[in-house]
Protein backbone atom coordinates (compact mmCIF):
# COMPACT_ATOMS: atom_id res chain seq x y z
CA MET A 1 -51.13 17.21 -30.97
CA ILE A 2 -50.21 14.85 -28.18
CA LYS A 3 -51.69 11.83 -29.99
CA ASP A 4 -49.22 12.35 -32.89
CA LEU A 5 -46.28 12.61 -30.51
CA VAL A 6 -47.28 9.46 -28.65
CA SER A 7 -47.85 7.58 -31.93
CA LYS A 8 -44.36 8.66 -33.20
CA ASN A 9 -42.69 7.73 -29.84
CA ARG A 10 -41.74 4.20 -30.75
CA SER A 11 -38.77 2.07 -29.47
CA TYR A 12 -36.29 2.87 -32.02
CA ARG A 13 -33.16 0.65 -32.12
CA ARG A 14 -31.23 1.79 -35.12
CA PHE A 15 -30.02 5.31 -35.49
CA TYR A 16 -27.84 7.60 -37.74
CA GLN A 17 -24.93 7.37 -35.32
CA ASP A 18 -23.17 10.36 -36.90
CA HIS A 19 -26.11 12.62 -36.04
CA LYS A 20 -24.80 14.64 -33.03
CA ILE A 21 -26.85 15.40 -29.98
CA SER A 22 -25.56 18.13 -27.79
CA TYR A 23 -25.13 17.95 -24.01
CA ASP A 24 -27.31 21.11 -23.78
CA PHE A 25 -30.18 19.24 -25.62
CA LEU A 26 -29.88 16.41 -23.17
CA LYS A 27 -30.21 18.98 -20.39
CA GLU A 28 -33.39 20.27 -21.96
CA LEU A 29 -34.79 16.69 -21.87
CA VAL A 30 -33.85 16.40 -18.16
CA ASN A 31 -35.65 19.73 -17.60
CA LEU A 32 -38.80 18.04 -19.04
CA ALA A 33 -38.18 15.29 -16.49
CA ARG A 34 -37.76 17.83 -13.72
CA LEU A 35 -41.20 19.35 -14.57
CA SER A 36 -42.87 16.02 -14.56
CA PRO A 37 -44.94 14.65 -11.68
CA SER A 38 -43.15 12.77 -8.92
CA GLY A 39 -44.64 10.52 -6.26
CA ARG A 40 -44.89 12.38 -3.02
CA ASN A 41 -43.08 15.24 -4.92
CA LEU A 42 -39.87 13.64 -3.52
CA GLN A 43 -37.97 14.10 -6.85
CA PRO A 44 -35.48 11.30 -6.05
CA LEU A 45 -34.14 10.88 -9.59
CA LYS A 46 -30.82 12.01 -10.90
CA TYR A 47 -29.31 11.75 -14.41
CA PHE A 48 -26.08 10.78 -16.02
CA LEU A 49 -25.81 12.31 -19.50
CA SER A 50 -23.64 10.94 -22.32
CA ALA A 51 -23.18 12.43 -25.78
CA ASP A 52 -19.49 11.53 -26.55
CA LYS A 53 -18.35 8.44 -28.37
CA GLU A 54 -16.20 7.04 -25.57
CA THR A 55 -18.90 7.25 -22.84
CA ASN A 56 -21.54 6.10 -25.40
CA GLU A 57 -19.54 2.91 -26.00
CA LYS A 58 -19.41 2.16 -22.31
CA VAL A 59 -23.17 2.54 -21.93
CA PHE A 60 -23.79 0.55 -25.14
CA SER A 61 -21.68 -2.37 -23.88
CA THR A 62 -24.08 -2.93 -20.94
CA LEU A 63 -27.42 -3.06 -22.80
CA SER A 64 -29.40 -5.97 -24.11
CA TRP A 65 -31.22 -5.18 -27.25
CA ALA A 66 -34.66 -6.38 -28.58
CA ALA A 67 -35.42 -9.67 -26.77
CA TYR A 68 -38.00 -10.67 -29.40
CA LEU A 69 -35.56 -10.28 -32.21
CA LYS A 70 -33.63 -13.55 -31.51
CA ASP A 71 -31.17 -13.24 -34.44
CA TRP A 72 -30.15 -9.66 -33.72
CA ASP A 73 -27.56 -8.56 -31.25
CA GLY A 74 -28.18 -4.83 -31.54
CA PRO A 75 -27.31 -1.99 -33.84
CA GLU A 76 -24.20 -2.21 -35.91
CA GLU A 77 -21.44 0.40 -36.01
CA GLY A 78 -22.92 3.51 -37.70
CA GLU A 79 -26.46 2.65 -36.29
CA LYS A 80 -25.70 3.04 -32.59
CA PRO A 81 -27.40 5.74 -30.51
CA SER A 82 -25.83 9.24 -30.43
CA ALA A 83 -26.59 9.85 -26.81
CA TYR A 84 -27.83 8.25 -23.64
CA ILE A 85 -29.56 9.36 -20.46
CA VAL A 86 -29.01 7.06 -17.44
CA ILE A 87 -31.85 7.47 -14.94
CA LEU A 88 -30.61 7.01 -11.33
CA GLY A 89 -32.37 6.74 -8.12
CA ASP A 90 -30.81 8.61 -5.21
CA THR A 91 -31.06 6.10 -2.38
CA ARG A 92 -30.15 8.95 0.16
CA LEU A 93 -33.76 10.14 -0.52
CA THR A 94 -35.62 6.85 -0.82
CA THR A 95 -35.35 3.27 -1.94
CA ASN A 96 -38.88 3.35 -3.31
CA PHE A 97 -38.79 5.25 -6.65
CA MET A 98 -42.36 4.23 -7.42
CA CYS A 99 -43.13 4.91 -11.12
CA ASP A 100 -41.22 8.20 -11.33
CA HIS A 101 -38.63 6.79 -13.78
CA GLY A 102 -41.37 5.68 -16.10
CA ILE A 103 -43.06 9.08 -16.05
CA VAL A 104 -39.87 10.94 -16.77
CA SER A 105 -38.82 8.52 -19.49
CA GLN A 106 -42.03 9.26 -21.42
CA SER A 107 -41.59 12.93 -20.88
CA MET A 108 -38.05 12.95 -22.21
CA LEU A 109 -38.90 10.75 -25.18
CA LEU A 110 -41.89 12.95 -26.10
CA GLY A 111 -39.41 15.83 -26.08
CA ALA A 112 -37.02 13.98 -28.30
CA VAL A 113 -39.77 13.07 -30.78
CA GLU A 114 -40.91 16.63 -30.92
CA ASN A 115 -37.39 17.54 -32.09
CA GLY A 116 -37.20 14.86 -34.79
CA LEU A 117 -35.33 12.27 -32.66
CA GLY A 118 -36.33 9.01 -31.19
CA GLY A 119 -35.19 6.60 -28.49
CA CYS A 120 -35.56 3.40 -26.65
CA ILE A 121 -35.98 2.74 -22.85
CA PHE A 122 -33.82 -0.04 -21.47
CA ALA A 123 -34.39 -1.93 -18.27
CA SER A 124 -32.19 -4.89 -19.36
CA ILE A 125 -28.90 -3.48 -18.29
CA ASN A 126 -25.77 -4.98 -16.76
CA LYS A 127 -26.16 -2.55 -13.88
CA PRO A 128 -23.07 -3.56 -11.84
CA LYS A 129 -20.82 -3.20 -14.98
CA LEU A 130 -22.43 0.20 -15.92
CA LYS A 131 -22.02 1.51 -12.34
CA VAL A 132 -18.30 0.79 -12.51
CA LEU A 133 -17.80 2.12 -16.04
CA LEU A 134 -19.42 5.40 -15.19
CA ASN A 135 -17.78 5.59 -11.79
CA LEU A 136 -21.08 6.23 -10.08
CA GLU A 137 -21.24 6.84 -6.41
CA GLU A 138 -22.66 4.00 -4.18
CA HIS A 139 -25.92 5.85 -3.36
CA PHE A 140 -27.01 5.90 -6.96
CA GLU A 141 -29.18 2.91 -8.15
CA ILE A 142 -29.41 2.57 -11.92
CA LEU A 143 -33.05 2.35 -12.86
CA LEU A 144 -33.24 2.83 -16.68
CA VAL A 145 -31.21 3.86 -19.67
CA ILE A 146 -32.67 5.89 -22.52
CA ALA A 147 -30.84 5.54 -25.83
CA LEU A 148 -31.38 8.60 -28.13
CA GLY A 149 -30.67 9.36 -31.73
CA LYS A 150 -32.05 10.24 -35.25
CA PRO A 151 -34.11 7.06 -36.07
CA LYS A 152 -32.76 5.06 -39.04
CA GLU A 153 -35.67 2.67 -39.16
CA ILE A 154 -39.37 2.67 -39.87
CA VAL A 155 -41.60 1.50 -36.98
CA VAL A 156 -45.27 0.84 -37.66
CA ILE A 157 -48.07 0.14 -35.19
CA GLU A 158 -50.53 -2.62 -36.19
CA ASP A 159 -53.38 -4.61 -34.61
CA VAL A 160 -52.48 -7.70 -32.59
CA ARG A 161 -53.26 -10.81 -34.63
CA ASP A 162 -53.80 -14.27 -33.20
CA LYS A 163 -53.00 -12.89 -29.70
CA ASP A 164 -49.32 -12.43 -30.68
CA ILE A 165 -47.92 -9.18 -29.17
CA LYS A 166 -44.32 -9.87 -30.17
CA TYR A 167 -42.71 -7.05 -32.23
CA TYR A 168 -40.88 -8.17 -35.37
CA ARG A 169 -39.01 -6.99 -38.45
CA ASP A 170 -40.23 -7.97 -41.97
CA GLU A 171 -38.12 -8.77 -45.00
CA ASN A 172 -37.76 -4.99 -45.72
CA GLN A 173 -36.46 -4.46 -42.14
CA ILE A 174 -39.62 -2.39 -41.15
CA HIS A 175 -40.23 -2.85 -37.50
CA HIS A 176 -43.82 -3.88 -36.60
CA VAL A 177 -45.35 -3.34 -33.15
CA PRO A 178 -48.67 -5.02 -32.52
CA LYS A 179 -51.08 -3.21 -30.23
CA ARG A 180 -54.18 -4.56 -28.46
CA SER A 181 -57.43 -2.99 -29.53
CA ILE A 182 -59.06 -0.30 -27.37
CA GLU A 183 -62.06 -2.75 -26.86
CA GLU A 184 -59.73 -5.26 -25.25
CA LEU A 185 -58.28 -2.72 -22.85
CA ILE A 186 -61.48 -1.27 -21.52
CA VAL A 187 -63.10 -3.63 -18.96
CA ASN A 188 -66.40 -1.82 -18.41
CA LYS A 189 -68.48 -1.91 -21.58
CA LYS A 190 -71.33 0.42 -22.30
């Protein structure tokens, strides 16, 4: 059921790094992106796939991890993602990518969750550095990075308390994600 997939699709930040993800599986996820809606049906997104250790390290070095976890700089060796998908906008087609990269990110992550994997969407990226490290052509704009792997952490959803929406880890390293109530989200009450 879609509700189960969406509920399991959390922002995982620690993985079993030795769990391999194939390039072919990444292509399957990109196919889900390809089949997703696109504003004006322009389909201006392209993808850089990484499933090898050397390229993964390049991508990893450009990401900022978990802003609310002030005392954590990101996953340690052995807990890093096994693969990445870098979502690119092709500026030869447009400079307005609308919300396409958000839509395809969700589609790909749902596909990952359906296959027992998890991921995290990154917008906090050192884009100039990553563009050089990946030797990307000038007409590609880096929009998002999706980190993928077999989750090594437990993430739970809970109700927002005292208006605090910041995620946190407890003493057992369980990651808590507060969510606003449905009543708070719907503005027209019956």
